[in-house]
């Protein structure tokens, strides 16, 4: 059974069934660069910001920090030779910003800064008392065509499973009804102390739940300055290029080339091999759009021509082929007529 990240009930009017959520996605296992202390290198390595994902993890664990990390991918071979001391991994711990003294984690509370330096704090019980109905129940209050929900509002997908055999029948009835009507259900759900709008849709024999962003979380597009007439020929050529590049969505073909390059860099560092900077080839600026489109189309047509399979040699056994046309067919027809005439004479 998939791991449950939330348990509660799915409700349609007066019908409800126990369900649980399981994440539909997982984080790809990426190479994690740790922050390390290398004495004597403060002027050599260019500092960079910690990546957002890592910093968010530190915040969630109460170990937020604005420390800087050395950009290992951009260190030159000359700088490598200057290191006089081994690197030591650092640890991030909560501390008093004034004295630097480390503090106990049990003394850490949630707080809100209503004025500079002034906080109100909350205990776990006080925050727990704020739980609303959506903390335990997904109430489907509205149904809309699936295509009406803008993908910009999609946040996190989950699989929605029935929690136990007793719930299976009601669960399947709700799923089948939505599939037949082509509708998706909208409701509310509280996750991680935040109430979110969610969309529940049928998926095969089961259902999926997608948390939706709030209206204030989606910015308004500013495309008004892009109005104007376009050259029909340019649009037609671009359309031909798109059609030649059309295919099927296959996420398995995607590879994280940055992670591959980082892995190669790490292996080279471990083996002590010289590090060669990869040349950057930015796209050339387009001064003549029509000429660029025509060159692109010619390139695509050339590639498609090369991709066509050359006709192979005829491997059929010619001595087993039946005659289709020509003299052989005429001879066969003539001999058949002669045999029929001889048979008629014998009967007479």
C-alpha atoms as a PDB file:
ATOM      1  CA  UNK A   1       0.000   0.000   0.000  1.00  0.00           C
ATOM      2  CA  UNK A   2       1.398   3.454  -0.872  1.00  0.00           C
ATOM      3  CA  UNK A   3       2.589   5.604   2.028  1.00  0.00           C
ATOM      4  CA  UNK A   4      -0.149   7.912   3.315  1.00  0.00           C
ATOM      5  CA  UNK A   5       0.767  11.573   3.738  1.00  0.00           C
ATOM      6  CA  UNK A   6      -2.758  12.569   4.866  1.00  0.00           C
ATOM      7  CA  UNK A   7      -5.855  10.685   6.048  1.00  0.00           C
ATOM      8  CA  UNK A   8      -9.429  11.904   6.171  1.00  0.00           C
ATOM      9  CA  UNK A   9     -12.711  11.712   4.271  1.00  0.00           C
ATOM     10  CA  UNK A  10     -13.957  12.495   0.775  1.00  0.00           C
ATOM     11  CA  UNK A  11     -17.512  13.847   0.811  1.00  0.00           C
ATOM     12  CA  UNK A  12     -20.054  14.335  -1.962  1.00  0.00           C
ATOM     13  CA  UNK A  13     -23.202  15.844  -0.436  1.00  0.00           C
ATOM     14  CA  UNK A  14     -24.294  13.256   2.173  1.00  0.00           C
ATOM     15  CA  UNK A  15     -22.028  10.479   0.824  1.00  0.00           C
ATOM     16  CA  UNK A  16     -18.565  10.192   2.328  1.00  0.00           C
ATOM     17  CA  UNK A  17     -15.800   7.609   2.416  1.00  0.00           C
ATOM     18  CA  UNK A  18     -12.448   7.433   4.209  1.00  0.00           C
ATOM     19  CA  UNK A  19      -9.503   8.215   1.939  1.00  0.00           C
ATOM     20  CA  UNK A  20      -5.818   8.966   2.142  1.00  0.00           C
ATOM     21  CA  UNK A  21      -3.362  10.906   0.001  1.00  0.00           C
ATOM     22  CA  UNK A  22      -0.073   9.674  -1.380  1.00  0.00           C
ATOM     23  CA  UNK A  23       2.315  11.972  -3.282  1.00  0.00           C
ATOM     24  CA  UNK A  24       2.077  11.419  -7.045  1.00  0.00           C
ATOM     25  CA  UNK A  25       5.554  12.814  -7.644  1.00  0.00           C
ATOM     26  CA  UNK A  26       8.981  12.394  -6.112  1.00  0.00           C
ATOM     27  CA  UNK A  27      12.105  14.478  -6.131  1.00  0.00           C
ATOM     28  CA  UNK A  28      14.757  13.297  -8.545  1.00  0.00           C
ATOM     29  CA  UNK A  29      17.875  12.251  -6.659  1.00  0.00           C
ATOM     30  CA  UNK A  30      20.257  15.082  -7.383  1.00  0.00           C
ATOM     31  CA  UNK A  31      23.828  15.685  -6.336  1.00  0.00           C
ATOM     32  CA  UNK A  32      23.906  17.761  -3.156  1.00  0.00           C
ATOM     33  CA  UNK A  33      26.849  20.099  -2.649  1.00  0.00           C
ATOM     34  CA  UNK A  34      27.545  20.660   1.061  1.00  0.00           C
ATOM     35  CA  UNK A  35      28.853  23.870   2.538  1.00  0.00           C
ATOM     36  CA  UNK A  36      32.432  23.342   3.624  1.00  0.00           C
ATOM     37  CA  UNK A  37      35.083  25.464   5.320  1.00  0.00           C
ATOM     38  CA  UNK A  38      38.366  25.749   3.432  1.00  0.00           C
ATOM     39  CA  UNK A  39      40.823  27.936   5.416  1.00  0.00           C
ATOM     40  CA  UNK A  40      42.654  30.590   3.452  1.00  0.00           C
ATOM     41  CA  UNK A  41      40.346  30.676   0.437  1.00  0.00           C
ATOM     42  CA  UNK A  42      38.072  33.618   1.261  1.00  0.00           C
ATOM     43  CA  UNK A  43      39.567  35.732  -1.542  1.00  0.00           C
ATOM     44  CA  UNK A  44      39.834  32.986  -4.125  1.00  0.00           C
ATOM     45  CA  UNK A  45      36.419  31.441  -4.544  1.00  0.00           C
ATOM     46  CA  UNK A  46      33.548  33.582  -5.748  1.00  0.00           C
ATOM     47  CA  UNK A  47      30.617  33.242  -3.319  1.00  0.00           C
ATOM     48  CA  UNK A  48      27.188  32.196  -4.500  1.00  0.00           C
ATOM     49  CA  UNK A  49      23.811  31.986  -2.840  1.00  0.00           C
ATOM     50  CA  UNK A  50      22.616  28.726  -1.432  1.00  0.00           C
ATOM     51  CA  UNK A  51      20.027  27.276  -3.796  1.00  0.00           C
ATOM     52  CA  UNK A  52      16.427  27.968  -2.801  1.00  0.00           C
ATOM     53  CA  UNK A  53      15.466  24.341  -2.249  1.00  0.00           C
ATOM     54  CA  UNK A  54      18.321  23.760   0.174  1.00  0.00           C
ATOM     55  CA  UNK A  55      17.660  26.989   2.024  1.00  0.00           C
ATOM     56  CA  UNK A  56      13.978  26.127   2.375  1.00  0.00           C
ATOM     57  CA  UNK A  57      14.896  22.762   3.885  1.00  0.00           C
ATOM     58  CA  UNK A  58      17.097  24.526   6.406  1.00  0.00           C
ATOM     59  CA  UNK A  59      14.279  26.914   7.303  1.00  0.00           C
ATOM     60  CA  UNK A  60      11.856  24.027   7.815  1.00  0.00           C
ATOM     61  CA  UNK A  61      14.300  22.351  10.195  1.00  0.00           C
ATOM     62  CA  UNK A  62      14.919  25.519  12.151  1.00  0.00           C
ATOM     63  CA  UNK A  63      18.426  25.886  10.797  1.00  0.00           C
ATOM     64  CA  UNK A  64      18.012  28.760   8.363  1.00  0.00           C
ATOM     65  CA  UNK A  65      21.211  30.461   7.427  1.00  0.00           C
ATOM     66  CA  UNK A  66      22.427  33.063   4.961  1.00  0.00           C
ATOM     67  CA  UNK A  67      25.874  31.512   4.710  1.00  0.00           C
ATOM     68  CA  UNK A  68      27.608  31.464   1.373  1.00  0.00           C
ATOM     69  CA  UNK A  69      29.043  28.454  -0.461  1.00  0.00           C
ATOM     70  CA  UNK A  70      32.054  28.267  -2.759  1.00  0.00           C
ATOM     71  CA  UNK A  71      31.206  27.788  -6.409  1.00  0.00           C
ATOM     72  CA  UNK A  72      33.007  24.504  -7.021  1.00  0.00           C
ATOM     73  CA  UNK A  73      31.971  24.370 -10.671  1.00  0.00           C
ATOM     74  CA  UNK A  74      33.875  27.561 -11.496  1.00  0.00           C
ATOM     75  CA  UNK A  75      37.120  26.973  -9.592  1.00  0.00           C
ATOM     76  CA  UNK A  76      40.153  26.949 -11.837  1.00  0.00           C
ATOM     77  CA  UNK A  77      43.039  24.504 -11.671  1.00  0.00           C
ATOM     78  CA  UNK A  78      45.353  27.260 -10.378  1.00  0.00           C
ATOM     79  CA  UNK A  79      43.064  27.967  -7.436  1.00  0.00           C
ATOM     80  CA  UNK A  80      42.927  24.268  -6.641  1.00  0.00           C
ATOM     81  CA  UNK A  81      46.682  24.186  -6.097  1.00  0.00           C
ATOM     82  CA  UNK A  82      46.517  27.064  -3.581  1.00  0.00           C
ATOM     83  CA  UNK A  83      44.429  25.133  -1.052  1.00  0.00           C
ATOM     84  CA  UNK A  84      46.623  24.469   1.959  1.00  0.00           C
ATOM     85  CA  UNK A  85      44.070  22.835   4.240  1.00  0.00           C
ATOM     86  CA  UNK A  86      41.439  20.114   3.758  1.00  0.00           C
ATOM     87  CA  UNK A  87      37.793  21.066   3.557  1.00  0.00           C
ATOM     88  CA  UNK A  88      35.596  20.572   6.621  1.00  0.00           C
ATOM     89  CA  UNK A  89      31.838  20.315   6.426  1.00  0.00           C
ATOM     90  CA  UNK A  90      30.085  22.972   8.478  1.00  0.00           C
ATOM     91  CA  UNK A  91      26.985  22.569  10.630  1.00  0.00           C
ATOM     92  CA  UNK A  92      24.109  25.029  10.852  1.00  0.00           C
ATOM     93  CA  UNK A  93      22.584  25.346  14.315  1.00  0.00           C
ATOM     94  CA  UNK A  94      20.148  27.854  15.838  1.00  0.00           C
ATOM     95  CA  UNK A  95      22.030  30.487  17.795  1.00  0.00           C
ATOM     96  CA  UNK A  96      21.588  33.856  19.456  1.00  0.00           C
ATOM     97  CA  UNK A  97      22.317  36.451  16.731  1.00  0.00           C
ATOM     98  CA  UNK A  98      23.708  38.879  19.341  1.00  0.00           C
ATOM     99  CA  UNK A  99      26.027  36.642  21.361  1.00  0.00           C
ATOM    100  CA  UNK A 100      26.512  33.755  18.913  1.00  0.00           C
ATOM    101  CA  UNK A 101      25.663  31.317  21.700  1.00  0.00           C
ATOM    102  CA  UNK A 102      23.946  28.120  20.537  1.00  0.00           C
ATOM    103  CA  UNK A 103      20.385  27.670  21.806  1.00  0.00           C
ATOM    104  CA  UNK A 104      18.354  24.574  22.614  1.00  0.00           C
ATOM    105  CA  UNK A 105      15.859  23.436  20.009  1.00  0.00           C
ATOM    106  CA  UNK A 106      13.231  22.907  22.697  1.00  0.00           C
ATOM    107  CA  UNK A 107      13.276  26.659  23.278  1.00  0.00           C
ATOM    108  CA  UNK A 108      12.386  27.468  19.650  1.00  0.00           C
ATOM    109  CA  UNK A 109       8.797  28.630  19.066  1.00  0.00           C
ATOM    110  CA  UNK A 110       6.736  29.895  16.163  1.00  0.00           C
ATOM    111  CA  UNK A 111       6.421  33.667  16.162  1.00  0.00           C
ATOM    112  CA  UNK A 112       5.097  36.594  14.145  1.00  0.00           C
ATOM    113  CA  UNK A 113       6.976  39.908  13.918  1.00  0.00           C
ATOM    114  CA  UNK A 114       4.251  42.583  14.083  1.00  0.00           C
ATOM    115  CA  UNK A 115       6.805  45.390  14.570  1.00  0.00           C
ATOM    116  CA  UNK A 116      10.534  45.475  14.073  1.00  0.00           C
ATOM    117  CA  UNK A 117      11.978  43.319  16.831  1.00  0.00           C
ATOM    118  CA  UNK A 118       8.538  42.700  18.422  1.00  0.00           C
ATOM    119  CA  UNK A 119       7.039  39.205  18.210  1.00  0.00           C
ATOM    120  CA  UNK A 120       3.975  37.342  19.362  1.00  0.00           C
ATOM    121  CA  UNK A 121       4.675  33.630  19.922  1.00  0.00           C
ATOM    122  CA  UNK A 122       2.474  30.559  19.698  1.00  0.00           C
ATOM    123  CA  UNK A 123       2.546  27.107  21.229  1.00  0.00           C
ATOM    124  CA  UNK A 124       1.792  23.912  19.303  1.00  0.00           C
ATOM    125  CA  UNK A 125      -1.544  23.551  21.119  1.00  0.00           C
ATOM    126  CA  UNK A 126      -2.607  27.074  20.159  1.00  0.00           C
ATOM    127  CA  UNK A 127      -1.894  26.376  16.497  1.00  0.00           C
ATOM    128  CA  UNK A 128      -3.577  22.969  16.670  1.00  0.00           C
ATOM    129  CA  UNK A 129      -6.777  24.611  17.924  1.00  0.00           C
ATOM    130  CA  UNK A 130      -7.034  26.512  14.622  1.00  0.00           C
ATOM    131  CA  UNK A 131      -7.781  23.324  12.633  1.00  0.00           C
ATOM    132  CA  UNK A 132     -10.915  23.698  10.495  1.00  0.00           C
ATOM    133  CA  UNK A 133     -13.191  21.105   8.910  1.00  0.00           C
ATOM    134  CA  UNK A 134     -10.986  20.778   5.824  1.00  0.00           C
ATOM    135  CA  UNK A 135      -8.234  19.426   8.057  1.00  0.00           C
ATOM    136  CA  UNK A 136     -10.012  16.055   7.970  1.00  0.00           C
ATOM    137  CA  UNK A 137     -12.596  16.253   5.151  1.00  0.00           C
ATOM    138  CA  UNK A 138     -12.399  17.017   1.416  1.00  0.00           C
ATOM    139  CA  UNK A 139     -15.858  18.372   0.654  1.00  0.00           C
ATOM    140  CA  UNK A 140     -16.523  18.494  -3.104  1.00  0.00           C
ATOM    141  CA  UNK A 141     -18.772  21.552  -3.384  1.00  0.00           C
ATOM    142  CA  UNK A 142     -18.469  22.466  -7.087  1.00  0.00           C
ATOM    143  CA  UNK A 143     -17.917  20.560 -10.325  1.00  0.00           C
ATOM    144  CA  UNK A 144     -16.413  22.104 -13.458  1.00  0.00           C
ATOM    145  CA  UNK A 145     -15.192  20.826 -16.839  1.00  0.00           C
ATOM    146  CA  UNK A 146     -11.606  19.681 -16.439  1.00  0.00           C
ATOM    147  CA  UNK A 147     -10.420  21.913 -19.290  1.00  0.00           C
ATOM    148  CA  UNK A 148     -11.748  25.016 -17.502  1.00  0.00           C
ATOM    149  CA  UNK A 149      -9.061  24.826 -14.814  1.00  0.00           C
ATOM    150  CA  UNK A 150      -5.989  26.795 -15.940  1.00  0.00           C
ATOM    151  CA  UNK A 151      -2.791  24.702 -15.463  1.00  0.00           C
ATOM    152  CA  UNK A 152      -1.102  27.823 -14.045  1.00  0.00           C
ATOM    153  CA  UNK A 153      -3.059  27.137 -10.859  1.00  0.00           C
ATOM    154  CA  UNK A 154      -1.803  23.553 -10.509  1.00  0.00           C
ATOM    155  CA  UNK A 155       0.511  23.132  -7.540  1.00  0.00           C
ATOM    156  CA  UNK A 156       1.113  19.621  -6.153  1.00  0.00           C
ATOM    157  CA  UNK A 157      -0.437  16.354  -7.406  1.00  0.00           C
ATOM    158  CA  UNK A 158      -1.452  13.436  -5.182  1.00  0.00           C
ATOM    159  CA  UNK A 159      -3.085  10.079  -5.718  1.00  0.00           C
ATOM    160  CA  UNK A 160      -6.310   9.720  -3.765  1.00  0.00           C
ATOM    161  CA  UNK A 161      -6.897   6.187  -2.475  1.00  0.00           C
ATOM    162  CA  UNK A 162      -9.834   4.596  -0.612  1.00  0.00           C
ATOM    163  CA  UNK A 163      -8.852   3.874   2.983  1.00  0.00           C
ATOM    164  CA  UNK A 164     -10.046   0.309   3.453  1.00  0.00           C
ATOM    165  CA  UNK A 165     -12.366  -2.088   1.586  1.00  0.00           C
ATOM    166  CA  UNK A 166     -15.512  -0.533   3.064  1.00  0.00           C
ATOM    167  CA  UNK A 167     -14.734   2.762   1.345  1.00  0.00           C
ATOM    168  CA  UNK A 168     -14.091   1.211  -2.083  1.00  0.00           C
ATOM    169  CA  UNK A 169     -17.700   1.184  -3.346  1.00  0.00           C
ATOM    170  CA  UNK A 170     -18.497   4.835  -2.553  1.00  0.00           C
ATOM    171  CA  UNK A 171     -15.067   5.827  -3.852  1.00  0.00           C
ATOM    172  CA  UNK A 172     -15.632   4.056  -7.190  1.00  0.00           C
ATOM    173  CA  UNK A 173     -19.144   5.510  -7.567  1.00  0.00           C
ATOM    174  CA  UNK A 174     -17.834   9.081  -7.187  1.00  0.00           C
ATOM    175  CA  UNK A 175     -14.936   8.420  -9.568  1.00  0.00           C
ATOM    176  CA  UNK A 176     -17.159   6.799 -12.224  1.00  0.00           C
ATOM    177  CA  UNK A 177     -19.725   9.593 -12.050  1.00  0.00           C
ATOM    178  CA  UNK A 178     -17.058  12.244 -12.652  1.00  0.00           C
ATOM    179  CA  UNK A 179     -15.527  10.235 -15.514  1.00  0.00           C
ATOM    180  CA  UNK A 180     -18.878   9.828 -17.292  1.00  0.00           C
ATOM    181  CA  UNK A 181     -19.742  13.505 -16.939  1.00  0.00           C
ATOM    182  CA  UNK A 182     -16.245  14.728 -17.847  1.00  0.00           C
ATOM    183  CA  UNK A 183     -16.180  16.894 -14.734  1.00  0.00           C
ATOM    184  CA  UNK A 184     -13.673  17.539 -11.948  1.00  0.00           C
ATOM    185  CA  UNK A 185     -14.605  18.348  -8.366  1.00  0.00           C
ATOM    186  CA  UNK A 186     -13.400  21.397  -6.447  1.00  0.00           C
ATOM    187  CA  UNK A 187     -13.072  21.464  -2.681  1.00  0.00           C
ATOM    188  CA  UNK A 188     -10.841  22.506   0.201  1.00  0.00           C
ATOM    189  CA  UNK A 189      -8.113  20.729   2.116  1.00  0.00           C
ATOM    190  CA  UNK A 190      -5.793  21.812   4.918  1.00  0.00           C
ATOM    191  CA  UNK A 191      -2.214  20.616   4.533  1.00  0.00           C
ATOM    192  CA  UNK A 192       0.742  21.807   6.616  1.00  0.00           C
ATOM    193  CA  UNK A 193      -1.478  24.289   8.479  1.00  0.00           C
ATOM    194  CA  UNK A 194      -2.651  25.947   5.295  1.00  0.00           C
ATOM    195  CA  UNK A 195      -6.077  25.576   3.684  1.00  0.00           C
ATOM    196  CA  UNK A 196      -5.881  25.142  -0.066  1.00  0.00           C
ATOM    197  CA  UNK A 197      -8.339  24.774  -2.897  1.00  0.00           C
ATOM    198  CA  UNK A 198      -8.039  21.338  -4.478  1.00  0.00           C
ATOM    199  CA  UNK A 199      -9.248  19.671  -7.639  1.00  0.00           C
ATOM    200  CA  UNK A 200     -10.231  15.989  -7.613  1.00  0.00           C
ATOM    201  CA  UNK A 201     -10.406  14.230 -10.977  1.00  0.00           C
ATOM    202  CA  UNK A 202     -10.874  10.601 -12.123  1.00  0.00           C
ATOM    203  CA  UNK A 203      -7.704   8.834 -13.207  1.00  0.00           C
ATOM    204  CA  UNK A 204      -8.161   5.328 -14.546  1.00  0.00           C
ATOM    205  CA  UNK A 205      -9.963   3.271 -11.925  1.00  0.00           C
ATOM    206  CA  UNK A 206      -9.035   5.758  -9.195  1.00  0.00           C
ATOM    207  CA  UNK A 207      -8.748   9.465  -8.563  1.00  0.00           C
ATOM    208  CA  UNK A 208      -6.068  12.132  -8.349  1.00  0.00           C
ATOM    209  CA  UNK A 209      -6.035  15.277  -6.252  1.00  0.00           C
ATOM    210  CA  UNK A 210      -4.176  18.438  -7.261  1.00  0.00           C
ATOM    211  CA  UNK A 211      -3.704  21.333  -4.871  1.00  0.00           C
ATOM    212  CA  UNK A 212      -4.425  24.663  -6.537  1.00  0.00           C
ATOM    213  CA  UNK A 213      -2.749  28.010  -6.074  1.00  0.00           C
ATOM    214  CA  UNK A 214      -4.796  30.900  -4.771  1.00  0.00           C
ATOM    215  CA  UNK A 215      -5.729  33.752  -7.109  1.00  0.00           C
ATOM    216  CA  UNK A 216      -3.183  36.091  -5.481  1.00  0.00           C
ATOM    217  CA  UNK A 217      -0.433  33.549  -6.122  1.00  0.00           C
ATOM    218  CA  UNK A 218      -0.812  33.718  -9.913  1.00  0.00           C
ATOM    219  CA  UNK A 219       0.440  36.883 -11.533  1.00  0.00           C
ATOM    220  CA  UNK A 220      -1.426  38.604 -14.357  1.00  0.00           C
ATOM    221  CA  UNK A 221       0.271  38.266 -17.735  1.00  0.00           C
ATOM    222  CA  UNK A 222       1.420  41.487 -19.392  1.00  0.00           C
ATOM    223  CA  UNK A 223       1.288  40.658 -23.085  1.00  0.00           C
ATOM    224  CA  UNK A 224      -0.559  43.783 -24.215  1.00  0.00           C
ATOM    225  CA  UNK A 225       2.492  45.227 -25.970  1.00  0.00           C
ATOM    226  CA  UNK A 226       2.672  42.170 -28.251  1.00  0.00           C
ATOM    227  CA  UNK A 227      -0.387  43.113 -30.295  1.00  0.00           C
ATOM    228  CA  UNK A 228       0.042  43.824 -33.992  1.00  0.00           C
ATOM    229  CA  UNK A 229      -0.073  42.321 -37.458  1.00  0.00           C
ATOM    230  CA  UNK A 230       2.189  39.396 -38.374  1.00  0.00           C
ATOM    231  CA  UNK A 231       3.473  38.396 -41.795  1.00  0.00           C
ATOM    232  CA  UNK A 232       1.352  35.413 -42.924  1.00  0.00           C
ATOM    233  CA  UNK A 233       4.293  33.761 -44.693  1.00  0.00           C
ATOM    234  CA  UNK A 234       6.388  33.823 -41.500  1.00  0.00           C
ATOM    235  CA  UNK A 235       3.561  32.218 -39.513  1.00  0.00           C
ATOM    236  CA  UNK A 236       3.086  29.583 -42.231  1.00  0.00           C
ATOM    237  CA  UNK A 237       6.784  28.641 -42.219  1.00  0.00           C
ATOM    238  CA  UNK A 238       6.824  28.478 -38.408  1.00  0.00           C
ATOM    239  CA  UNK A 239       3.742  26.239 -38.578  1.00  0.00           C
ATOM    240  CA  UNK A 240       5.533  23.873 -40.981  1.00  0.00           C
ATOM    241  CA  UNK A 241       8.544  23.690 -38.649  1.00  0.00           C
ATOM    242  CA  UNK A 242       6.275  22.908 -35.696  1.00  0.00           C
ATOM    243  CA  UNK A 243       4.509  20.145 -37.621  1.00  0.00           C
ATOM    244  CA  UNK A 244       7.847  18.564 -38.580  1.00  0.00           C
ATOM    245  CA  UNK A 245       8.922  18.638 -34.932  1.00  0.00           C
ATOM    246  CA  UNK A 246       5.638  17.294 -33.575  1.00  0.00           C
ATOM    247  CA  UNK A 247       5.796  14.128 -31.490  1.00  0.00           C
ATOM    248  CA  UNK A 248       4.457  12.454 -28.356  1.00  0.00           C
ATOM    249  CA  UNK A 249       5.077  13.511 -24.774  1.00  0.00           C
ATOM    250  CA  UNK A 250       7.609  11.107 -23.257  1.00  0.00           C
ATOM    251  CA  UNK A 251       9.126  12.381 -19.983  1.00  0.00           C
ATOM    252  CA  UNK A 252      11.561   9.428 -19.896  1.00  0.00           C
ATOM    253  CA  UNK A 253      13.573  11.062 -22.694  1.00  0.00           C
ATOM    254  CA  UNK A 254      14.466  14.041 -20.486  1.00  0.00           C
ATOM    255  CA  UNK A 255      17.872  14.072 -18.803  1.00  0.00           C
ATOM    256  CA  UNK A 256      19.228  16.664 -16.392  1.00  0.00           C
ATOM    257  CA  UNK A 257      22.330  17.700 -18.319  1.00  0.00           C
ATOM    258  CA  UNK A 258      23.488  19.955 -15.501  1.00  0.00           C
ATOM    259  CA  UNK A 259      23.566  17.013 -13.075  1.00  0.00           C
ATOM    260  CA  UNK A 260      25.435  14.924 -15.655  1.00  0.00           C
ATOM    261  CA  UNK A 261      28.025  17.679 -16.071  1.00  0.00           C
ATOM    262  CA  UNK A 262      28.313  18.118 -12.299  1.00  0.00           C
ATOM    263  CA  UNK A 263      28.865  14.372 -11.867  1.00  0.00           C
ATOM    264  CA  UNK A 264      31.652  14.474 -14.468  1.00  0.00           C
ATOM    265  CA  UNK A 265      33.208  17.449 -12.662  1.00  0.00           C
ATOM    266  CA  UNK A 266      33.162  15.601  -9.331  1.00  0.00           C
ATOM    267  CA  UNK A 267      34.763  12.502 -10.845  1.00  0.00           C
ATOM    268  CA  UNK A 268      37.459  14.632 -12.468  1.00  0.00           C
ATOM    269  CA  UNK A 269      38.157  16.373  -9.149  1.00  0.00           C
ATOM    270  CA  UNK A 270      38.432  13.060  -7.310  1.00  0.00           C
ATOM    271  CA  UNK A 271      40.857  11.681  -9.895  1.00  0.00           C
ATOM    272  CA  UNK A 272      42.874  14.911  -9.945  1.00  0.00           C
ATOM    273  CA  UNK A 273      42.300  15.502 -13.644  1.00  0.00           C
ATOM    274  CA  UNK A 274      42.612  18.989 -15.124  1.00  0.00           C
ATOM    275  CA  UNK A 275      39.356  20.910 -15.328  1.00  0.00           C
ATOM    276  CA  UNK A 276      38.502  22.400 -18.691  1.00  0.00           C
ATOM    277  CA  UNK A 277      35.875  25.081 -18.905  1.00  0.00           C
ATOM    278  CA  UNK A 278      33.105  24.267 -21.342  1.00  0.00           C
ATOM    279  CA  UNK A 279      32.755  26.895 -24.085  1.00  0.00           C
ATOM    280  CA  UNK A 280      29.491  28.767 -24.066  1.00  0.00           C
ATOM    281  CA  UNK A 281      27.718  29.125 -27.396  1.00  0.00           C
ATOM    282  CA  UNK A 282      24.878  31.625 -26.998  1.00  0.00           C
ATOM    283  CA  UNK A 283      22.310  31.690 -29.812  1.00  0.00           C
ATOM    284  CA  UNK A 284      23.168  34.109 -32.575  1.00  0.00           C
ATOM    285  CA  UNK A 285      20.938  37.193 -32.731  1.00  0.00           C
ATOM    286  CA  UNK A 286      18.254  37.105 -35.426  1.00  0.00           C
ATOM    287  CA  UNK A 287      18.295  40.180 -37.649  1.00  0.00           C
ATOM    288  CA  UNK A 288      16.242  38.762 -40.533  1.00  0.00           C
ATOM    289  CA  UNK A 289      13.366  36.683 -39.146  1.00  0.00           C
ATOM    290  CA  UNK A 290      12.148  35.433 -42.523  1.00  0.00           C
ATOM    291  CA  UNK A 291      15.616  34.276 -43.572  1.00  0.00           C
ATOM    292  CA  UNK A 292      16.110  32.518 -40.248  1.00  0.00           C
ATOM    293  CA  UNK A 293      12.750  30.748 -40.578  1.00  0.00           C
ATOM    294  CA  UNK A 294      13.555  29.584 -44.102  1.00  0.00           C
ATOM    295  CA  UNK A 295      16.971  28.262 -43.008  1.00  0.00           C
ATOM    296  CA  UNK A 296      15.317  26.461 -40.088  1.00  0.00           C
ATOM    297  CA  UNK A 297      12.742  24.866 -42.396  1.00  0.00           C
ATOM    298  CA  UNK A 298      15.455  23.791 -44.843  1.00  0.00           C
ATOM    299  CA  UNK A 299      17.422  22.280 -41.964  1.00  0.00           C
ATOM    300  CA  UNK A 300      14.382  20.372 -40.699  1.00  0.00           C
ATOM    301  CA  UNK A 301      13.599  19.081 -44.188  1.00  0.00           C
ATOM    302  CA  UNK A 302      17.203  17.976 -44.595  1.00  0.00           C
ATOM    303  CA  UNK A 303      17.166  16.105 -41.298  1.00  0.00           C
ATOM    304  CA  UNK A 304      13.879  14.406 -42.126  1.00  0.00           C
ATOM    305  CA  UNK A 305      15.299  13.371 -45.504  1.00  0.00           C
ATOM    306  CA  UNK A 306      18.324  11.787 -43.842  1.00  0.00           C
ATOM    307  CA  UNK A 307      16.093  10.030 -41.362  1.00  0.00           C
ATOM    308  CA  UNK A 308      14.138   8.269 -44.127  1.00  0.00           C
ATOM    309  CA  UNK A 309      15.069   4.635 -44.468  1.00  0.00           C
ATOM    310  CA  UNK A 310      16.833   3.685 -47.676  1.00  0.00           C
ATOM    311  CA  UNK A 311      15.068   0.947 -49.641  1.00  0.00           C
ATOM    312  CA  UNK A 312      16.828  -2.353 -49.037  1.00  0.00           C
ATOM    313  CA  UNK A 313      17.628  -5.051 -51.545  1.00  0.00           C
ATOM    314  CA  UNK A 314      14.808  -7.317 -52.702  1.00  0.00           C
ATOM    315  CA  UNK A 315      15.300 -10.490 -50.625  1.00  0.00           C
ATOM    316  CA  UNK A 316      12.313 -12.377 -52.061  1.00  0.00           C
ATOM    317  CA  UNK A 317      12.912 -15.740 -53.677  1.00  0.00           C
ATOM    318  CA  UNK A 318      12.160 -15.026 -57.301  1.00  0.00           C
ATOM    319  CA  UNK A 319      11.790 -18.660 -58.254  1.00  0.00           C
ATOM    320  CA  UNK A 320       8.767 -18.902 -55.915  1.00  0.00           C
ATOM    321  CA  UNK A 321       6.998 -15.793 -57.204  1.00  0.00           C
ATOM    322  CA  UNK A 322       3.885 -16.252 -59.311  1.00  0.00           C
ATOM    323  CA  UNK A 323       3.847 -14.605 -62.749  1.00  0.00           C
ATOM    324  CA  UNK A 324       1.798 -11.453 -62.712  1.00  0.00           C
ATOM    325  CA  UNK A 325       2.103  -9.896 -66.144  1.00  0.00           C
ATOM    326  CA  UNK A 326       3.875 -10.263 -69.471  1.00  0.00           C
ATOM    327  CA  UNK A 327       4.456 -13.311 -71.675  1.00  0.00           C
ATOM    328  CA  UNK A 328       4.329 -15.805 -68.841  1.00  0.00           C
ATOM    329  CA  UNK A 329       0.754 -14.766 -68.047  1.00  0.00           C
ATOM    330  CA  UNK A 330      -0.250 -15.028 -71.742  1.00  0.00           C
ATOM    331  CA  UNK A 331       1.268 -18.505 -72.029  1.00  0.00           C
ATOM    332  CA  UNK A 332      -0.562 -19.650 -68.917  1.00  0.00           C
ATOM    333  CA  UNK A 333      -3.868 -18.293 -70.219  1.00  0.00           C
ATOM    334  CA  UNK A 334      -3.364 -19.925 -73.652  1.00  0.00           C
ATOM    335  CA  UNK A 335      -2.613 -23.355 -72.207  1.00  0.00           C
ATOM    336  CA  UNK A 336      -5.744 -23.134 -70.022  1.00  0.00           C
ATOM    337  CA  UNK A 337      -7.922 -22.362 -73.093  1.00  0.00           C
ATOM    338  CA  UNK A 338      -6.439 -25.314 -75.034  1.00  0.00           C
ATOM    339  CA  UNK A 339      -7.173 -27.717 -72.166  1.00  0.00           C
ATOM    340  CA  UNK A 340     -10.784 -26.526 -71.950  1.00  0.00           C
ATOM    341  CA  UNK A 341     -11.309 -27.009 -75.735  1.00  0.00           C
ATOM    342  CA  UNK A 342      -9.871 -30.552 -75.609  1.00  0.00           C
ATOM    343  CA  UNK A 343     -12.197 -31.455 -72.744  1.00  0.00           C
ATOM    344  CA  UNK A 344     -15.246 -30.250 -74.710  1.00  0.00           C
ATOM    345  CA  UNK A 345     -14.258 -32.345 -77.760  1.00  0.00           C
ATOM    346  CA  UNK A 346     -14.004 -35.513 -75.632  1.00  0.00           C
ATOM    347  CA  UNK A 347     -17.484 -34.963 -74.197  1.00  0.00           C
ATOM    348  CA  UNK A 348     -18.869 -34.532 -77.700  1.00  0.00           C
END
